[in-house]
All heavy atoms as atom14 arrays in JSON, in Angstrom:
{
  "sequence": "LVRLLGEWGRIPVTYAGGIGSFADLKALQMYGKNKLNVTIGSAL",
  "atom14_mask": [
    [1, 1, 1, 1, 1, 1, 1, 1, 0, 0, 0, 0, 0, 0],
    [1, 1, 1, 1, 1, 1, 1, 0, 0, 0, 0, 0, 0, 0],
    [1, 1, 1, 1, 1, 1, 1, 1, 1, 1, 1, 0, 0, 0],
    [1, 1, 1, 1, 1, 1, 1, 1, 0, 0, 0, 0, 0, 0],
    [1, 1, 1, 1, 1, 1, 1, 1, 0, 0, 0, 0, 0, 0],
    [1, 1, 1, 1, 0, 0, 0, 0, 0, 0, 0, 0, 0, 0],
    [1, 1, 1, 1, 1, 1, 1, 1, 1, 0, 0, 0, 0, 0],
    [1, 1, 1, 1, 1, 1, 1, 1, 1, 1, 1, 1, 1, 1],
    [1, 1, 1, 1, 0, 0, 0, 0, 0, 0, 0, 0, 0, 0],
    [1, 1, 1, 1, 1, 1, 1, 1, 1, 1, 1, 0, 0, 0],
    [1, 1, 1, 1, 1, 1, 1, 1, 0, 0, 0, 0, 0, 0],
    [1, 1, 1, 1, 1, 1, 1, 0, 0, 0, 0, 0, 0, 0],
    [1, 1, 1, 1, 1, 1, 1, 0, 0, 0, 0, 0, 0, 0],
    [1, 1, 1, 1, 1, 1, 1, 0, 0, 0, 0, 0, 0, 0],
    [1, 1, 1, 1, 1, 1, 1, 1, 1, 1, 1, 1, 0, 0],
    [1, 1, 1, 1, 1, 0, 0, 0, 0, 0, 0, 0, 0, 0],
    [1, 1, 1, 1, 0, 0, 0, 0, 0, 0, 0, 0, 0, 0],
    [1, 1, 1, 1, 0, 0, 0, 0, 0, 0, 0, 0, 0, 0],
    [1, 1, 1, 1, 1, 1, 1, 1, 0, 0, 0, 0, 0, 0],
    [1, 1, 1, 1, 0, 0, 0, 0, 0, 0, 0, 0, 0, 0],
    [1, 1, 1, 1, 1, 1, 0, 0, 0, 0, 0, 0, 0, 0],
    [1, 1, 1, 1, 1, 1, 1, 1, 1, 1, 1, 0, 0, 0],
    [1, 1, 1, 1, 1, 0, 0, 0, 0, 0, 0, 0, 0, 0],
    [1, 1, 1, 1, 1, 1, 1, 1, 0, 0, 0, 0, 0, 0],
    [1, 1, 1, 1, 1, 1, 1, 1, 0, 0, 0, 0, 0, 0],
    [1, 1, 1, 1, 1, 1, 1, 1, 1, 0, 0, 0, 0, 0],
    [1, 1, 1, 1, 1, 0, 0, 0, 0, 0, 0, 0, 0, 0],
    [1, 1, 1, 1, 1, 1, 1, 1, 0, 0, 0, 0, 0, 0],
    [1, 1, 1, 1, 1, 1, 1, 1, 1, 0, 0, 0, 0, 0],
    [1, 1, 1, 1, 1, 1, 1, 1, 0, 0, 0, 0, 0, 0],
    [1, 1, 1, 1, 1, 1, 1, 1, 1, 1, 1, 1, 0, 0],
    [1, 1, 1, 1, 0, 0, 0, 0, 0, 0, 0, 0, 0, 0],
    [1, 1, 1, 1, 1, 1, 1, 1, 1, 0, 0, 0, 0, 0],
    [1, 1, 1, 1, 1, 1, 1, 1, 0, 0, 0, 0, 0, 0],
    [1, 1, 1, 1, 1, 1, 1, 1, 1, 0, 0, 0, 0, 0],
    [1, 1, 1, 1, 1, 1, 1, 1, 0, 0, 0, 0, 0, 0],
    [1, 1, 1, 1, 1, 1, 1, 1, 0, 0, 0, 0, 0, 0],
    [1, 1, 1, 1, 1, 1, 1, 0, 0, 0, 0, 0, 0, 0],
    [1, 1, 1, 1, 1, 1, 1, 0, 0, 0, 0, 0, 0, 0],
    [1, 1, 1, 1, 1, 1, 1, 1, 0, 0, 0, 0, 0, 0],
    [1, 1, 1, 1, 0, 0, 0, 0, 0, 0, 0, 0, 0, 0],
    [1, 1, 1, 1, 1, 1, 0, 0, 0, 0, 0, 0, 0, 0],
    [1, 1, 1, 1, 1, 0, 0, 0, 0, 0, 0, 0, 0, 0],
    [1, 1, 1, 1, 1, 1, 1, 1, 0, 0, 0, 0, 0, 0]
  ],
  "atom14_positions": [
    [[1.18, 9.79, 3.25], [0.04, 10.66, 2.96], [-0.88, 10.02, 1.93], [-2.1, 10.04, 2.06], [0.55, 12.01, 2.45], [-0.52, 13.02, 2.03], [-1.41, 13.39, 3.21], [0.15, 14.27, 1.44], [0.0, 0.0, 0.0], [0.0, 0.0, 0.0], [0.0, 0.0, 0.0], [0.0, 0.0, 0.0], [0.0, 0.0, 0.0], [0.0, 0.0, 0.0]],
    [[-0.29, 9.43, 0.89], [-1.09, 8.8, -0.17], [-1.9, 7.64, 0.39], [-3.08, 7.46, 0.04], [-0.17, 8.33, -1.32], [-0.93, 7.44, -2.29], [0.41, 9.54, -2.05], [0.0, 0.0, 0.0], [0.0, 0.0, 0.0], [0.0, 0.0, 0.0], [0.0, 0.0, 0.0], [0.0, 0.0, 0.0], [0.0, 0.0, 0.0], [0.0, 0.0, 0.0]],
    [[-1.32, 6.85, 1.28], [-2.06, 5.75, 1.91], [-3.28, 6.3, 2.65], [-4.39, 5.75, 2.54], [-1.16, 5.01, 2.9], [-0.14, 4.06, 2.3], [0.62, 3.39, 3.43], [1.73, 2.59, 2.98], [1.66, 1.31, 2.65], [0.46, 0.71, 2.69], [2.73, 0.64, 2.27], [0.0, 0.0, 0.0], [0.0, 0.0, 0.0], [0.0, 0.0, 0.0]],
    [[-3.06, 7.35, 3.43], [-4.16, 7.92, 4.21], [-5.28, 8.4, 3.3], [-6.47, 8.12, 3.53], [-3.61, 9.08, 5.05], [-4.54, 9.78, 6.05], [-3.72, 10.45, 7.14], [-5.43, 10.84, 5.39], [0.0, 0.0, 0.0], [0.0, 0.0, 0.0], [0.0, 0.0, 0.0], [0.0, 0.0, 0.0], [0.0, 0.0, 0.0], [0.0, 0.0, 0.0]],
    [[-4.93, 9.11, 2.25], [-5.93, 9.66, 1.33], [-6.65, 8.55, 0.57], [-7.86, 8.62, 0.34], [-5.27, 10.62, 0.35], [-4.61, 11.86, 0.97], [-3.88, 12.66, -0.1], [-5.64, 12.74, 1.68], [0.0, 0.0, 0.0], [0.0, 0.0, 0.0], [0.0, 0.0, 0.0], [0.0, 0.0, 0.0], [0.0, 0.0, 0.0], [0.0, 0.0, 0.0]],
    [[-5.92, 7.51, 0.18], [-6.52, 6.41, -0.53], [-7.48, 5.61, 0.34], [-8.5, 5.09, -0.15], [0.0, 0.0, 0.0], [0.0, 0.0, 0.0], [0.0, 0.0, 0.0], [0.0, 0.0, 0.0], [0.0, 0.0, 0.0], [0.0, 0.0, 0.0], [0.0, 0.0, 0.0], [0.0, 0.0, 0.0], [0.0, 0.0, 0.0], [0.0, 0.0, 0.0]],
    [[-7.19, 5.5, 1.63], [-8.09, 4.8, 2.54], [-9.38, 5.58, 2.73], [-10.44, 5.0, 2.97], [-7.41, 4.61, 3.91], [-6.27, 3.62, 3.91], [-6.74, 2.18, 3.79], [-7.95, 1.93, 4.02], [-5.92, 1.32, 3.45], [0.0, 0.0, 0.0], [0.0, 0.0, 0.0], [0.0, 0.0, 0.0], [0.0, 0.0, 0.0], [0.0, 0.0, 0.0]],
    [[-9.29, 6.91, 2.61], [-10.48, 7.75, 2.85], [-11.36, 7.8, 1.6], [-12.36, 7.13, 1.52], [-10.04, 9.16, 3.28], [-11.19, 10.03, 3.64], [-11.94, 9.97, 4.77], [-11.72, 11.11, 2.87], [-12.92, 10.92, 4.75], [-12.8, 11.63, 3.59], [-11.39, 11.66, 1.63], [-13.56, 12.71, 3.11], [-12.14, 12.73, 1.16], [-13.2, 13.25, 1.89]],
    [[-11.03, 8.63, 0.62], [-11.64, 8.61, -0.7], [-13.13, 8.86, -0.79], [-13.82, 8.23, -1.6], [0.0, 0.0, 0.0], [0.0, 0.0, 0.0], [0.0, 0.0, 0.0], [0.0, 0.0, 0.0], [0.0, 0.0, 0.0], [0.0, 0.0, 0.0], [0.0, 0.0, 0.0], [0.0, 0.0, 0.0], [0.0, 0.0, 0.0], [0.0, 0.0, 0.0]],
    [[-13.68, 9.8, 0.0], [-15.13, 10.02, -0.04], [-15.56, 11.06, -1.06], [-16.69, 11.01, -1.56], [-15.63, 10.41, 1.35], [-15.47, 9.3, 2.37], [-16.19, 9.61, 3.66], [-16.07, 8.5, 4.6], [-16.62, 8.48, 5.8], [-17.34, 9.51, 6.21], [-16.45, 7.44, 6.6], [0.0, 0.0, 0.0], [0.0, 0.0, 0.0], [0.0, 0.0, 0.0]],
    [[-14.72, 12.05, -1.32], [-14.97, 13.0, -2.4], [-13.69, 13.05, -3.23], [-12.64, 12.57, -2.8], [-15.36, 14.41, -1.89], [-14.19, 15.06, -1.12], [-16.61, 14.36, -1.04], [-14.45, 16.52, -0.74], [0.0, 0.0, 0.0], [0.0, 0.0, 0.0], [0.0, 0.0, 0.0], [0.0, 0.0, 0.0], [0.0, 0.0, 0.0], [0.0, 0.0, 0.0]],
    [[-13.76, 13.61, -4.45], [-12.54, 13.65, -5.27], [-11.38, 14.36, -4.57], [-11.56, 15.42, -3.97], [-13.0, 14.42, -6.51], [-14.46, 14.17, -6.6], [-14.93, 14.12, -5.17], [0.0, 0.0, 0.0], [0.0, 0.0, 0.0], [0.0, 0.0, 0.0], [0.0, 0.0, 0.0], [0.0, 0.0, 0.0], [0.0, 0.0, 0.0], [0.0, 0.0, 0.0]],
    [[-10.21, 13.76, -4.66], [-8.98, 14.31, -4.11], [-7.93, 14.32, -5.21], [-7.69, 13.29, -5.85], [-8.46, 13.48, -2.92], [-7.12, 14.04, -2.42], [-9.48, 13.44, -1.79], [0.0, 0.0, 0.0], [0.0, 0.0, 0.0], [0.0, 0.0, 0.0], [0.0, 0.0, 0.0], [0.0, 0.0, 0.0], [0.0, 0.0, 0.0], [0.0, 0.0, 0.0]],
    [[-7.31, 15.47, -5.42], [-6.19, 15.56, -6.36], [-4.9, 15.65, -5.56], [-4.74, 16.54, -4.72], [-6.33, 16.78, -7.28], [-7.49, 16.62, -8.09], [-5.11, 16.92, -8.18], [0.0, 0.0, 0.0], [0.0, 0.0, 0.0], [0.0, 0.0, 0.0], [0.0, 0.0, 0.0], [0.0, 0.0, 0.0], [0.0, 0.0, 0.0], [0.0, 0.0, 0.0]],
    [[-4.0, 14.71, -5.82], [-2.7, 14.67, -5.14], [-1.62, 15.23, -6.06], [-1.59, 14.93, -7.26], [-2.33, 13.24, -4.75], [-0.89, 13.1, -4.29], [-0.55, 13.33, -2.96], [0.12, 12.79, -5.19], [0.77, 13.23, -2.54], [1.44, 12.68, -4.79], [1.76, 12.91, -3.46], [3.07, 12.84, -3.06], [0.0, 0.0, 0.0], [0.0, 0.0, 0.0]],
    [[-0.73, 16.02, -5.5], [0.42, 16.53, -6.24], [1.66, 16.45, -5.35], [1.59, 16.72, -4.15], [0.18, 17.98, -6.67], [0.0, 0.0, 0.0], [0.0, 0.0, 0.0], [0.0, 0.0, 0.0], [0.0, 0.0, 0.0], [0.0, 0.0, 0.0], [0.0, 0.0, 0.0], [0.0, 0.0, 0.0], [0.0, 0.0, 0.0], [0.0, 0.0, 0.0]],
    [[2.79, 16.09, -5.97], [4.03, 16.13, -5.22], [4.9, 14.91, -5.4], [4.53, 13.8, -5.01], [0.0, 0.0, 0.0], [0.0, 0.0, 0.0], [0.0, 0.0, 0.0], [0.0, 0.0, 0.0], [0.0, 0.0, 0.0], [0.0, 0.0, 0.0], [0.0, 0.0, 0.0], [0.0, 0.0, 0.0], [0.0, 0.0, 0.0], [0.0, 0.0, 0.0]],
    [[6.07, 15.12, -6.02], [7.1, 14.09, -6.05], [7.09, 13.15, -7.22], [8.01, 12.33, -7.36], [0.0, 0.0, 0.0], [0.0, 0.0, 0.0], [0.0, 0.0, 0.0], [0.0, 0.0, 0.0], [0.0, 0.0, 0.0], [0.0, 0.0, 0.0], [0.0, 0.0, 0.0], [0.0, 0.0, 0.0], [0.0, 0.0, 0.0], [0.0, 0.0, 0.0]],
    [[6.07, 13.2, -8.07], [6.03, 12.24, -9.17], [7.08, 12.62, -10.22], [7.05, 13.72, -10.77], [4.63, 12.17, -9.8], [3.66, 11.56, -8.79], [4.65, 11.36, -11.09], [2.25, 11.48, -9.25], [0.0, 0.0, 0.0], [0.0, 0.0, 0.0], [0.0, 0.0, 0.0], [0.0, 0.0, 0.0], [0.0, 0.0, 0.0], [0.0, 0.0, 0.0]],
    [[7.99, 11.68, -10.47], [9.07, 11.94, -11.42], [9.22, 10.88, -12.49], [10.08, 10.99, -13.36], [0.0, 0.0, 0.0], [0.0, 0.0, 0.0], [0.0, 0.0, 0.0], [0.0, 0.0, 0.0], [0.0, 0.0, 0.0], [0.0, 0.0, 0.0], [0.0, 0.0, 0.0], [0.0, 0.0, 0.0], [0.0, 0.0, 0.0], [0.0, 0.0, 0.0]],
    [[8.38, 9.83, -12.4], [8.51, 8.72, -13.34], [7.19, 7.96, -13.4], [6.3, 8.15, -12.57], [9.62, 7.76, -12.89], [9.24, 7.13, -11.67], [0.0, 0.0, 0.0], [0.0, 0.0, 0.0], [0.0, 0.0, 0.0], [0.0, 0.0, 0.0], [0.0, 0.0, 0.0], [0.0, 0.0, 0.0], [0.0, 0.0, 0.0], [0.0, 0.0, 0.0]],
    [[7.1, 7.04, -14.38], [5.91, 6.2, -14.46], [5.85, 5.21, -13.3], [4.77, 4.78, -12.9], [5.86, 5.49, -15.82], [5.46, 6.4, -16.94], [6.42, 7.05, -17.71], [4.12, 6.65, -17.2], [6.06, 7.91, -18.73], [3.74, 7.52, -18.21], [4.71, 8.15, -18.98], [0.0, 0.0, 0.0], [0.0, 0.0, 0.0], [0.0, 0.0, 0.0]],
    [[7.0, 4.87, -12.74], [7.01, 4.02, -11.55], [6.35, 4.75, -10.38], [5.61, 4.14, -9.6], [8.45, 3.63, -11.19], [0.0, 0.0, 0.0], [0.0, 0.0, 0.0], [0.0, 0.0, 0.0], [0.0, 0.0, 0.0], [0.0, 0.0, 0.0], [0.0, 0.0, 0.0], [0.0, 0.0, 0.0], [0.0, 0.0, 0.0], [0.0, 0.0, 0.0]],
    [[6.62, 6.04, -10.25], [5.97, 6.83, -9.2], [4.46, 6.89, -9.43], [3.67, 6.85, -8.48], [6.52, 8.25, -9.17], [7.97, 8.31, -8.71], [8.39, 7.41, -7.95], [8.68, 9.25, -9.12], [0.0, 0.0, 0.0], [0.0, 0.0, 0.0], [0.0, 0.0, 0.0], [0.0, 0.0, 0.0], [0.0, 0.0, 0.0], [0.0, 0.0, 0.0]],
    [[4.07, 6.97, -10.7], [2.65, 7.01, -11.03], [1.97, 5.7, -10.62], [0.87, 5.7, -10.06], [2.49, 7.27, -12.53], [1.13, 7.76, -13.02], [0.73, 9.06, -12.36], [1.16, 7.93, -14.54], [0.0, 0.0, 0.0], [0.0, 0.0, 0.0], [0.0, 0.0, 0.0], [0.0, 0.0, 0.0], [0.0, 0.0, 0.0], [0.0, 0.0, 0.0]],
    [[2.63, 4.59, -10.86], [2.08, 3.29, -10.47], [2.03, 3.16, -8.95], [1.09, 2.57, -8.39], [2.91, 2.17, -11.08], [2.71, 2.01, -12.59], [3.38, 0.76, -13.12], [3.12, 0.59, -14.61], [1.68, 0.37, -14.88], [0.0, 0.0, 0.0], [0.0, 0.0, 0.0], [0.0, 0.0, 0.0], [0.0, 0.0, 0.0], [0.0, 0.0, 0.0]],
    [[3.03, 3.72, -8.27], [3.02, 3.69, -6.8], [1.84, 4.49, -6.26], [1.18, 4.07, -5.3], [4.34, 4.24, -6.26], [0.0, 0.0, 0.0], [0.0, 0.0, 0.0], [0.0, 0.0, 0.0], [0.0, 0.0, 0.0], [0.0, 0.0, 0.0], [0.0, 0.0, 0.0], [0.0, 0.0, 0.0], [0.0, 0.0, 0.0], [0.0, 0.0, 0.0]],
    [[1.57, 5.62, -6.88], [0.42, 6.43, -6.46], [-0.88, 5.66, -6.66], [-1.76, 5.66, -5.8], [0.4, 7.74, -7.25], [-0.78, 8.67, -6.94], [-0.69, 9.18, -5.51], [-0.82, 9.83, -7.92], [0.0, 0.0, 0.0], [0.0, 0.0, 0.0], [0.0, 0.0, 0.0], [0.0, 0.0, 0.0], [0.0, 0.0, 0.0], [0.0, 0.0, 0.0]],
    [[-0.97, 4.98, -7.79], [-2.17, 4.2, -8.07], [-2.33, 3.08, -7.02], [-3.43, 2.86, -6.51], [-2.09, 3.58, -9.46], [-3.3, 2.74, -9.83], [-3.11, 1.96, -11.12], [-1.99, 1.84, -11.62], [-4.19, 1.43, -11.67], [0.0, 0.0, 0.0], [0.0, 0.0, 0.0], [0.0, 0.0, 0.0], [0.0, 0.0, 0.0], [0.0, 0.0, 0.0]],
    [[-1.23, 2.43, -6.68], [-1.31, 1.3, -5.75], [-1.62, 1.76, -4.32], [-2.58, 1.31, -3.71], [0.01, 0.53, -5.77], [0.04, -0.65, -4.81], [1.58, -1.61, -4.88], [2.76, -0.4, -4.25], [0.0, 0.0, 0.0], [0.0, 0.0, 0.0], [0.0, 0.0, 0.0], [0.0, 0.0, 0.0], [0.0, 0.0, 0.0], [0.0, 0.0, 0.0]],
    [[-0.81, 2.7, -3.81], [-0.99, 3.13, -2.42], [-2.26, 3.97, -2.25], [-2.86, 3.98, -1.18], [0.22, 3.92, -1.94], [1.47, 3.07, -1.8], [2.59, 3.3, -2.59], [1.53, 2.03, -0.87], [3.73, 2.52, -2.47], [2.66, 1.25, -0.75], [3.76, 1.51, -1.55], [4.89, 0.72, -1.42], [0.0, 0.0, 0.0], [0.0, 0.0, 0.0]],
    [[-2.67, 4.65, -3.31], [-3.89, 5.44, -3.26], [-5.12, 4.67, -3.68], [-6.22, 5.23, -3.79], [0.0, 0.0, 0.0], [0.0, 0.0, 0.0], [0.0, 0.0, 0.0], [0.0, 0.0, 0.0], [0.0, 0.0, 0.0], [0.0, 0.0, 0.0], [0.0, 0.0, 0.0], [0.0, 0.0, 0.0], [0.0, 0.0, 0.0], [0.0, 0.0, 0.0]],
    [[-4.97, 3.36, -3.93], [-6.07, 2.46, -4.29], [-6.84, 2.95, -5.51], [-8.05, 2.75, -5.61], [-7.0, 2.27, -3.09], [-6.31, 1.6, -1.91], [-7.28, 1.23, -0.82], [-6.57, 0.42, 0.27], [-7.48, 0.01, 1.35], [0.0, 0.0, 0.0], [0.0, 0.0, 0.0], [0.0, 0.0, 0.0], [0.0, 0.0, 0.0], [0.0, 0.0, 0.0]],
    [[-6.13, 3.63, -6.39], [-6.7, 4.12, -7.65], [-7.83, 5.12, -7.43], [-8.66, 5.33, -8.31], [-7.18, 2.97, -8.53], [-7.09, 3.3, -10.01], [-6.27, 4.12, -10.43], [-7.94, 2.68, -10.83], [0.0, 0.0, 0.0], [0.0, 0.0, 0.0], [0.0, 0.0, 0.0], [0.0, 0.0, 0.0], [0.0, 0.0, 0.0], [0.0, 0.0, 0.0]],
    [[-7.87, 5.74, -6.24], [-8.94, 6.68, -5.92], [-8.52, 8.14, -6.12], [-9.38, 9.02, -6.18], [-9.37, 6.5, -4.46], [-10.03, 5.16, -4.15], [-10.39, 5.1, -2.68], [-11.02, 3.76, -2.32], [-11.34, 3.69, -0.87], [0.0, 0.0, 0.0], [0.0, 0.0, 0.0], [0.0, 0.0, 0.0], [0.0, 0.0, 0.0], [0.0, 0.0, 0.0]],
    [[-7.22, 8.39, -6.19], [-6.75, 9.77, -6.21], [-6.51, 10.26, -7.63], [-5.97, 9.52, -8.46], [-5.44, 9.89, -5.41], [-5.46, 9.36, -3.98], [-4.11, 9.57, -3.33], [-6.57, 10.0, -3.17], [0.0, 0.0, 0.0], [0.0, 0.0, 0.0], [0.0, 0.0, 0.0], [0.0, 0.0, 0.0], [0.0, 0.0, 0.0], [0.0, 0.0, 0.0]],
    [[-6.9, 11.48, -7.9], [-6.5, 12.13, -9.14], [-5.08, 12.66, -8.96], [-4.6, 12.82, -7.84], [-7.47, 13.25, -9.49], [-8.87, 12.73, -9.71], [-9.06, 11.66, -10.27], [-9.87, 13.47, -9.25], [0.0, 0.0, 0.0], [0.0, 0.0, 0.0], [0.0, 0.0, 0.0], [0.0, 0.0, 0.0], [0.0, 0.0, 0.0], [0.0, 0.0, 0.0]],
    [[-4.42, 12.97, -10.06], [-2.99, 13.26, -9.96], [-2.6, 14.49, -10.79], [-3.06, 14.66, -11.92], [-2.15, 12.04, -10.39], [-2.46, 11.62, -11.82], [-0.66, 12.3, -10.24], [0.0, 0.0, 0.0], [0.0, 0.0, 0.0], [0.0, 0.0, 0.0], [0.0, 0.0, 0.0], [0.0, 0.0, 0.0], [0.0, 0.0, 0.0], [0.0, 0.0, 0.0]],
    [[-1.75, 15.29, -10.21], [-1.09, 16.38, -10.92], [0.39, 16.05, -11.07], [1.02, 15.58, -10.11], [-1.25, 17.7, -10.15], [-2.61, 18.11, -10.19], [-0.38, 18.8, -10.75], [0.0, 0.0, 0.0], [0.0, 0.0, 0.0], [0.0, 0.0, 0.0], [0.0, 0.0, 0.0], [0.0, 0.0, 0.0], [0.0, 0.0, 0.0], [0.0, 0.0, 0.0]],
    [[0.91, 16.27, -12.26], [2.35, 16.11, -12.51], [2.87, 17.43, -13.02], [2.34, 17.96, -14.01], [2.62, 14.99, -13.53], [2.01, 13.67, -13.05], [4.12, 14.82, -13.76], [2.08, 12.56, -14.07], [0.0, 0.0, 0.0], [0.0, 0.0, 0.0], [0.0, 0.0, 0.0], [0.0, 0.0, 0.0], [0.0, 0.0, 0.0], [0.0, 0.0, 0.0]],
    [[3.88, 17.96, -12.37], [4.4, 19.27, -12.77], [5.74, 19.18, -13.45], [5.84, 18.95, -14.65], [0.0, 0.0, 0.0], [0.0, 0.0, 0.0], [0.0, 0.0, 0.0], [0.0, 0.0, 0.0], [0.0, 0.0, 0.0], [0.0, 0.0, 0.0], [0.0, 0.0, 0.0], [0.0, 0.0, 0.0], [0.0, 0.0, 0.0], [0.0, 0.0, 0.0]],
    [[6.8, 19.32, -12.68], [8.15, 19.44, -13.24], [8.59, 18.23, -14.05], [9.45, 18.33, -14.93], [9.16, 19.69, -12.11], [8.86, 20.89, -11.43], [0.0, 0.0, 0.0], [0.0, 0.0, 0.0], [0.0, 0.0, 0.0], [0.0, 0.0, 0.0], [0.0, 0.0, 0.0], [0.0, 0.0, 0.0], [0.0, 0.0, 0.0], [0.0, 0.0, 0.0]],
    [[8.02, 17.05, -13.75], [8.43, 15.84, -14.46], [7.8, 15.72, -15.84], [8.23, 14.89, -16.65], [8.09, 14.61, -13.63], [0.0, 0.0, 0.0], [0.0, 0.0, 0.0], [0.0, 0.0, 0.0], [0.0, 0.0, 0.0], [0.0, 0.0, 0.0], [0.0, 0.0, 0.0], [0.0, 0.0, 0.0], [0.0, 0.0, 0.0], [0.0, 0.0, 0.0]],
    [[6.79, 16.53, -16.14], [6.1, 16.44, -17.42], [6.94, 17.08, -18.52], [7.58, 18.11, -18.3], [4.75, 17.14, -17.3], [3.6, 16.65, -18.18], [3.27, 15.19, -17.88], [2.38, 17.53, -17.97], [0.0, 0.0, 0.0], [0.0, 0.0, 0.0], [0.0, 0.0, 0.0], [0.0, 0.0, 0.0], [0.0, 0.0, 0.0], [0.0, 0.0, 0.0]]
  ]
}
């Protein structure tokens, strides 16, 4: 899903779901091409 959203990126998109570590945050940045905003819930 993150790959798909990162390839698109025409208006702001906030992604939420599954982030539990800083490694996950870096994965989101990489696969989302640094285009996605991020919500972190239970891991915060």
